[in-house]
Amino acid sequence: MITRKRFKLSSIAALGALTLLGGCGSALVEAPTYSVSEVQSFKVSGAPSQVMMLEIVDANNTLPNKVWSDALSHHGHSPRLTFITNSDDITDQQTLKPKNRVVAVVNPTQSTMGNKICTAPQSAKMDGTSDQIIVRFGFCAGDDVISETRARFAKDPFETQLVDTADTLSYQLFPRHMRDQDDDRCARRVPGC
């Protein structure tokens, strides 16, 4: 089991992410949280063929699985991942580790946080009164969440906003380097410290 130490982006980076995406007609992606300080190694070892499972939990069937996987594939730092929703979609030359996956929960219940996104994600039916679609994303290694974030999308251009924010979601779920805020030897402005 992974030691439960939560890492957050610095407040300046988080504010930048919120400001960047909080403009008119844009999705709002919240600051991510991390359970480990080295997410990149989990990403590389969890997807040796750069293919990873994408689990969508959506009581409303908002978008087809193919739209989700196409929208989130090939973004972020290299190695860029291809997401699939069916393990039969890999070739004979590819290796898949299905316990390492990204989970996307549309309209998540309050209990879908932390490791619950990996073990028992819950999606609630939407009643049609909200003009937003909230999605919680988690990168899971078995029953443990490695990184997670939440995004708020406008209901009408949801698919377009999902595609437009895929880079940001990938950078947040799979950061290459994180500053260790508990390390007093690190200067605040030193990248990757």
C-alpha atoms as a PDB file:
ATOM      1  CA  MET A   1       0.000   0.000   0.000  1.00  0.00           C
ATOM      2  CA  ILE A   2       1.188   3.499  -0.774  1.00  0.00           C
ATOM      3  CA  THR A   3       2.081   5.765   2.128  1.00  0.00           C
ATOM      4  CA  ARG A   4      -0.634   8.406   2.406  1.00  0.00           C
ATOM      5  CA  LYS A   5       1.208  11.680   2.062  1.00  0.00           C
ATOM      6  CA  ARG A   6      -0.707  14.311   0.124  1.00  0.00           C
ATOM      7  CA  PHE A   7       1.123  16.719  -2.142  1.00  0.00           C
ATOM      8  CA  LYS A   8      -0.471  19.809  -3.625  1.00  0.00           C
ATOM      9  CA  LEU A   9       0.647  22.208  -6.262  1.00  0.00           C
ATOM     10  CA  SER A  10       1.965  25.450  -4.917  1.00  0.00           C
ATOM     11  CA  SER A  11      -0.723  28.068  -4.486  1.00  0.00           C
ATOM     12  CA  ILE A  12       0.772  30.114  -7.330  1.00  0.00           C
ATOM     13  CA  ALA A  13       0.667  27.154  -9.744  1.00  0.00           C
ATOM     14  CA  ALA A  14      -2.851  26.249  -8.629  1.00  0.00           C
ATOM     15  CA  LEU A  15      -4.060  29.817  -9.074  1.00  0.00           C
ATOM     16  CA  GLY A  16      -2.479  29.855 -12.525  1.00  0.00           C
ATOM     17  CA  ALA A  17      -4.260  26.648 -13.516  1.00  0.00           C
ATOM     18  CA  LEU A  18      -7.595  27.940 -12.233  1.00  0.00           C
ATOM     19  CA  THR A  19      -7.143  31.331 -13.840  1.00  0.00           C
ATOM     20  CA  LEU A  20      -6.015  29.851 -17.138  1.00  0.00           C
ATOM     21  CA  LEU A  21      -9.097  27.706 -17.429  1.00  0.00           C
ATOM     22  CA  GLY A  22     -11.590  29.855 -15.582  1.00  0.00           C
ATOM     23  CA  GLY A  23     -12.201  32.275 -18.437  1.00  0.00           C
ATOM     24  CA  CYS A  24     -15.460  32.765 -20.222  1.00  0.00           C
ATOM     25  CA  GLY A  25     -16.736  29.519 -21.747  1.00  0.00           C
ATOM     26  CA  SER A  26     -13.789  27.474 -20.473  1.00  0.00           C
ATOM     27  CA  ALA A  27     -13.769  24.487 -18.186  1.00  0.00           C
ATOM     28  CA  LEU A  28     -12.496  25.004 -14.664  1.00  0.00           C
ATOM     29  CA  VAL A  29      -9.882  22.444 -13.597  1.00  0.00           C
ATOM     30  CA  GLU A  30      -9.102  22.460  -9.895  1.00  0.00           C
ATOM     31  CA  ALA A  31      -5.656  22.014  -8.353  1.00  0.00           C
ATOM     32  CA  PRO A  32      -4.633  18.350  -8.200  1.00  0.00           C
ATOM     33  CA  THR A  33      -3.583  16.324  -5.171  1.00  0.00           C
ATOM     34  CA  TYR A  34      -0.909  13.625  -5.116  1.00  0.00           C
ATOM     35  CA  SER A  35      -0.279  10.635  -2.868  1.00  0.00           C
ATOM     36  CA  VAL A  36       3.333  10.246  -3.992  1.00  0.00           C
ATOM     37  CA  SER A  37       6.081  12.667  -4.941  1.00  0.00           C
ATOM     38  CA  GLU A  38       7.168  10.755  -8.068  1.00  0.00           C
ATOM     39  CA  VAL A  39       4.087  10.311 -10.270  1.00  0.00           C
ATOM     40  CA  GLN A  40       6.125   9.943 -13.476  1.00  0.00           C
ATOM     41  CA  SER A  41       7.615   6.607 -12.369  1.00  0.00           C
ATOM     42  CA  PHE A  42       4.117   5.227 -11.683  1.00  0.00           C
ATOM     43  CA  LYS A  43       3.025   6.401 -15.136  1.00  0.00           C
ATOM     44  CA  VAL A  44       5.988   4.804 -16.931  1.00  0.00           C
ATOM     45  CA  SER A  45       5.833   1.502 -15.059  1.00  0.00           C
ATOM     46  CA  GLY A  46       2.022   1.407 -15.246  1.00  0.00           C
ATOM     47  CA  ALA A  47       1.963   1.789 -19.033  1.00  0.00           C
ATOM     48  CA  PRO A  48       5.091   0.084 -20.455  1.00  0.00           C
ATOM     49  CA  SER A  49       3.624   0.176 -23.981  1.00  0.00           C
ATOM     50  CA  GLN A  50       2.220   3.698 -23.511  1.00  0.00           C
ATOM     51  CA  VAL A  51      -1.290   2.214 -23.353  1.00  0.00           C
ATOM     52  CA  MET A  52      -3.447   2.630 -20.246  1.00  0.00           C
ATOM     53  CA  MET A  53      -6.989   1.682 -19.326  1.00  0.00           C
ATOM     54  CA  LEU A  54      -9.568   4.433 -18.950  1.00  0.00           C
ATOM     55  CA  GLU A  55     -12.479   3.560 -16.690  1.00  0.00           C
ATOM     56  CA  ILE A  56     -15.521   5.790 -17.096  1.00  0.00           C
ATOM     57  CA  VAL A  57     -18.140   5.788 -14.350  1.00  0.00           C
ATOM     58  CA  ASP A  58     -21.145   7.701 -15.653  1.00  0.00           C
ATOM     59  CA  ALA A  59     -24.687   6.986 -14.520  1.00  0.00           C
ATOM     60  CA  ASN A  60     -25.909   9.379 -17.238  1.00  0.00           C
ATOM     61  CA  ASN A  61     -23.956   7.935 -20.212  1.00  0.00           C
ATOM     62  CA  THR A  62     -23.000  11.492 -21.110  1.00  0.00           C
ATOM     63  CA  LEU A  63     -20.498  10.590 -23.861  1.00  0.00           C
ATOM     64  CA  PRO A  64     -19.560   7.348 -25.644  1.00  0.00           C
ATOM     65  CA  ASN A  65     -16.410   5.611 -24.371  1.00  0.00           C
ATOM     66  CA  LYS A  66     -14.620   6.227 -27.689  1.00  0.00           C
ATOM     67  CA  VAL A  67     -15.104   9.991 -27.336  1.00  0.00           C
ATOM     68  CA  TRP A  68     -13.549   9.862 -23.855  1.00  0.00           C
ATOM     69  CA  SER A  69     -10.560   7.772 -24.924  1.00  0.00           C
ATOM     70  CA  ASP A  70      -9.937   9.816 -28.089  1.00  0.00           C
ATOM     71  CA  ALA A  71     -10.201  13.106 -26.174  1.00  0.00           C
ATOM     72  CA  LEU A  72      -7.752  12.135 -23.413  1.00  0.00           C
ATOM     73  CA  SER A  73      -5.177  10.243 -25.519  1.00  0.00           C
ATOM     74  CA  HIS A  74      -1.808  11.650 -26.681  1.00  0.00           C
ATOM     75  CA  HIS A  75      -1.528  14.641 -24.338  1.00  0.00           C
ATOM     76  CA  GLY A  76       0.919  15.849 -21.708  1.00  0.00           C
ATOM     77  CA  HIS A  77       4.551  14.939 -21.092  1.00  0.00           C
ATOM     78  CA  SER A  78       6.158  12.084 -22.975  1.00  0.00           C
ATOM     79  CA  PRO A  79       5.692   9.229 -22.989  1.00  0.00           C
ATOM     80  CA  ARG A  80       2.224  10.238 -24.118  1.00  0.00           C
ATOM     81  CA  LEU A  81      -0.441   7.675 -23.395  1.00  0.00           C
ATOM     82  CA  THR A  82      -3.139   6.116 -25.523  1.00  0.00           C
ATOM     83  CA  PHE A  83      -6.222   5.383 -23.450  1.00  0.00           C
ATOM     84  CA  ILE A  84      -8.486   2.433 -24.139  1.00  0.00           C
ATOM     85  CA  THR A  85     -11.727   1.382 -22.484  1.00  0.00           C
ATOM     86  CA  ASN A  86     -11.594  -2.272 -23.545  1.00  0.00           C
ATOM     87  CA  SER A  87      -8.582  -4.497 -22.868  1.00  0.00           C
ATOM     88  CA  ASP A  88      -9.214  -6.327 -26.164  1.00  0.00           C
ATOM     89  CA  ASP A  89      -8.108  -3.184 -28.018  1.00  0.00           C
ATOM     90  CA  ILE A  90      -4.373  -3.786 -27.499  1.00  0.00           C
ATOM     91  CA  THR A  91      -2.144  -5.442 -30.087  1.00  0.00           C
ATOM     92  CA  ASP A  92      -0.049  -8.565 -29.517  1.00  0.00           C
ATOM     93  CA  GLN A  93       3.065  -6.375 -29.172  1.00  0.00           C
ATOM     94  CA  GLN A  94       1.587  -4.210 -26.402  1.00  0.00           C
ATOM     95  CA  THR A  95       1.559  -4.828 -22.670  1.00  0.00           C
ATOM     96  CA  LEU A  96      -1.369  -3.655 -20.578  1.00  0.00           C
ATOM     97  CA  LYS A  97      -1.427  -3.364 -16.794  1.00  0.00           C
ATOM     98  CA  PRO A  98      -5.184  -2.988 -16.138  1.00  0.00           C
ATOM     99  CA  LYS A  99      -4.722  -2.214 -12.419  1.00  0.00           C
ATOM    100  CA  ASN A 100      -2.977   1.009 -13.482  1.00  0.00           C
ATOM    101  CA  ARG A 101      -5.693   3.165 -14.954  1.00  0.00           C
ATOM    102  CA  VAL A 102      -7.323   6.558 -15.108  1.00  0.00           C
ATOM    103  CA  VAL A 103     -10.818   6.694 -13.646  1.00  0.00           C
ATOM    104  CA  ALA A 104     -13.221   9.441 -14.738  1.00  0.00           C
ATOM    105  CA  VAL A 105     -16.375   9.814 -12.654  1.00  0.00           C
ATOM    106  CA  VAL A 106     -19.131  12.033 -14.027  1.00  0.00           C
ATOM    107  CA  ASN A 107     -21.235  13.768 -11.368  1.00  0.00           C
ATOM    108  CA  PRO A 108     -19.380  11.997  -8.530  1.00  0.00           C
ATOM    109  CA  THR A 109     -20.946  11.474  -5.138  1.00  0.00           C
ATOM    110  CA  GLN A 110     -19.291  13.031  -2.085  1.00  0.00           C
ATOM    111  CA  SER A 111     -17.745   9.667  -1.170  1.00  0.00           C
ATOM    112  CA  THR A 112     -15.806   9.463  -4.457  1.00  0.00           C
ATOM    113  CA  MET A 113     -12.580  10.978  -3.201  1.00  0.00           C
ATOM    114  CA  GLY A 114      -9.132   9.652  -2.365  1.00  0.00           C
ATOM    115  CA  ASN A 115      -8.788   5.894  -2.731  1.00  0.00           C
ATOM    116  CA  LYS A 116     -12.572   5.550  -3.159  1.00  0.00           C
ATOM    117  CA  ILE A 117     -12.145   6.727  -6.757  1.00  0.00           C
ATOM    118  CA  CYS A 118     -10.111   3.545  -7.323  1.00  0.00           C
ATOM    119  CA  THR A 119     -12.118   1.117  -5.192  1.00  0.00           C
ATOM    120  CA  ALA A 120     -15.764   2.239  -5.253  1.00  0.00           C
ATOM    121  CA  PRO A 121     -16.422   5.234  -7.542  1.00  0.00           C
ATOM    122  CA  GLN A 122     -20.028   6.416  -7.484  1.00  0.00           C
ATOM    123  CA  SER A 123     -21.743   8.468 -10.178  1.00  0.00           C
ATOM    124  CA  ALA A 124     -25.108  10.055  -9.395  1.00  0.00           C
ATOM    125  CA  LYS A 125     -27.877  10.629 -11.919  1.00  0.00           C
ATOM    126  CA  MET A 126     -28.176  14.269 -12.956  1.00  0.00           C
ATOM    127  CA  ASP A 127     -31.608  15.828 -12.620  1.00  0.00           C
ATOM    128  CA  GLY A 128     -31.194  18.227 -15.542  1.00  0.00           C
ATOM    129  CA  THR A 129     -31.294  21.415 -13.473  1.00  0.00           C
ATOM    130  CA  SER A 130     -27.549  22.065 -13.334  1.00  0.00           C
ATOM    131  CA  ASP A 131     -25.770  23.835 -16.173  1.00  0.00           C
ATOM    132  CA  GLN A 132     -22.457  22.191 -15.165  1.00  0.00           C
ATOM    133  CA  ILE A 133     -21.012  18.721 -15.466  1.00  0.00           C
ATOM    134  CA  ILE A 134     -18.491  17.861 -12.753  1.00  0.00           C
ATOM    135  CA  VAL A 135     -15.937  15.127 -13.440  1.00  0.00           C
ATOM    136  CA  ARG A 136     -13.418  13.757 -10.952  1.00  0.00           C
ATOM    137  CA  PHE A 137     -10.322  12.194 -12.526  1.00  0.00           C
ATOM    138  CA  GLY A 138      -7.975   9.841 -10.697  1.00  0.00           C
ATOM    139  CA  PHE A 139      -4.822   7.991 -11.703  1.00  0.00           C
ATOM    140  CA  CYS A 140      -4.981   4.669  -9.853  1.00  0.00           C
ATOM    141  CA  ALA A 141      -2.399   1.983  -9.142  1.00  0.00           C
ATOM    142  CA  GLY A 142      -4.573  -0.880  -7.974  1.00  0.00           C
ATOM    143  CA  ASP A 143      -6.627   0.348  -5.005  1.00  0.00           C
ATOM    144  CA  ASP A 144      -4.444   3.404  -4.408  1.00  0.00           C
ATOM    145  CA  VAL A 145      -4.957   6.821  -5.960  1.00  0.00           C
ATOM    146  CA  ILE A 146      -1.693   8.337  -7.165  1.00  0.00           C
ATOM    147  CA  SER A 147      -3.092  11.669  -8.385  1.00  0.00           C
ATOM    148  CA  GLU A 148      -6.517  13.216  -8.725  1.00  0.00           C
ATOM    149  CA  THR A 149      -8.222  16.375  -9.860  1.00  0.00           C
ATOM    150  CA  ARG A 150     -11.728  17.648 -10.496  1.00  0.00           C
ATOM    151  CA  ALA A 151     -13.055  19.653 -13.417  1.00  0.00           C
ATOM    152  CA  ARG A 152     -16.236  21.628 -13.991  1.00  0.00           C
ATOM    153  CA  PHE A 153     -17.515  21.740 -17.552  1.00  0.00           C
ATOM    154  CA  ALA A 154     -20.390  23.660 -19.094  1.00  0.00           C
ATOM    155  CA  LYS A 155     -23.186  21.270 -20.044  1.00  0.00           C
ATOM    156  CA  ASP A 156     -23.723  22.312 -23.660  1.00  0.00           C
ATOM    157  CA  PRO A 157     -20.161  22.304 -25.064  1.00  0.00           C
ATOM    158  CA  PHE A 158     -19.058  19.430 -22.745  1.00  0.00           C
ATOM    159  CA  GLU A 159     -17.364  17.333 -25.431  1.00  0.00           C
ATOM    160  CA  THR A 160     -15.508  20.335 -26.857  1.00  0.00           C
ATOM    161  CA  GLN A 161     -14.364  21.436 -23.403  1.00  0.00           C
ATOM    162  CA  LEU A 162     -13.181  17.916 -22.569  1.00  0.00           C
ATOM    163  CA  VAL A 163     -11.019  17.901 -25.706  1.00  0.00           C
ATOM    164  CA  ASP A 164      -9.770  21.441 -25.018  1.00  0.00           C
ATOM    165  CA  THR A 165      -8.737  20.658 -21.411  1.00  0.00           C
ATOM    166  CA  ALA A 166      -7.152  17.244 -22.096  1.00  0.00           C
ATOM    167  CA  ASP A 167      -3.610  18.684 -22.041  1.00  0.00           C
ATOM    168  CA  THR A 168      -4.192  20.376 -18.687  1.00  0.00           C
ATOM    169  CA  LEU A 169      -5.756  17.239 -17.220  1.00  0.00           C
ATOM    170  CA  SER A 170      -2.814  15.141 -18.407  1.00  0.00           C
ATOM    171  CA  TYR A 171      -0.222  17.567 -17.012  1.00  0.00           C
ATOM    172  CA  GLN A 172      -2.018  17.586 -13.671  1.00  0.00           C
ATOM    173  CA  LEU A 173      -2.561  13.830 -13.392  1.00  0.00           C
ATOM    174  CA  PHE A 174       0.932  12.979 -14.669  1.00  0.00           C
ATOM    175  CA  PRO A 175       3.372  15.747 -13.672  1.00  0.00           C
ATOM    176  CA  ARG A 176       6.969  15.122 -14.656  1.00  0.00           C
ATOM    177  CA  HIS A 177       8.442  16.854 -11.593  1.00  0.00           C
ATOM    178  CA  MET A 178       6.935  18.202  -8.412  1.00  0.00           C
ATOM    179  CA  ARG A 179       8.464  20.542  -5.918  1.00  0.00           C
ATOM    180  CA  ASP A 180       8.715  18.914  -2.520  1.00  0.00           C
ATOM    181  CA  GLN A 181       7.256  21.560  -0.232  1.00  0.00           C
ATOM    182  CA  ASP A 182       8.551  19.692   2.826  1.00  0.00           C
ATOM    183  CA  ASP A 183      12.190  20.023   1.718  1.00  0.00           C
ATOM    184  CA  ASP A 184      13.664  23.122   3.380  1.00  0.00           C
ATOM    185  CA  ARG A 185      16.741  22.909   1.130  1.00  0.00           C
ATOM    186  CA  CYS A 186      14.619  23.755  -1.936  1.00  0.00           C
ATOM    187  CA  ALA A 187      14.273  27.353  -3.003  1.00  0.00           C
ATOM    188  CA  ARG A 188      10.694  28.247  -3.920  1.00  0.00           C
ATOM    189  CA  ARG A 189      11.496  29.036  -7.530  1.00  0.00           C
ATOM    190  CA  VAL A 190      13.677  26.022  -8.312  1.00  0.00           C
ATOM    191  CA  PRO A 191      11.770  23.870 -10.826  1.00  0.00           C
ATOM    192  CA  GLY A 192      11.524  20.184  -9.995  1.00  0.00           C
ATOM    193  CA  CYS A 193      12.850  20.630  -6.468  1.00  0.00           C
END
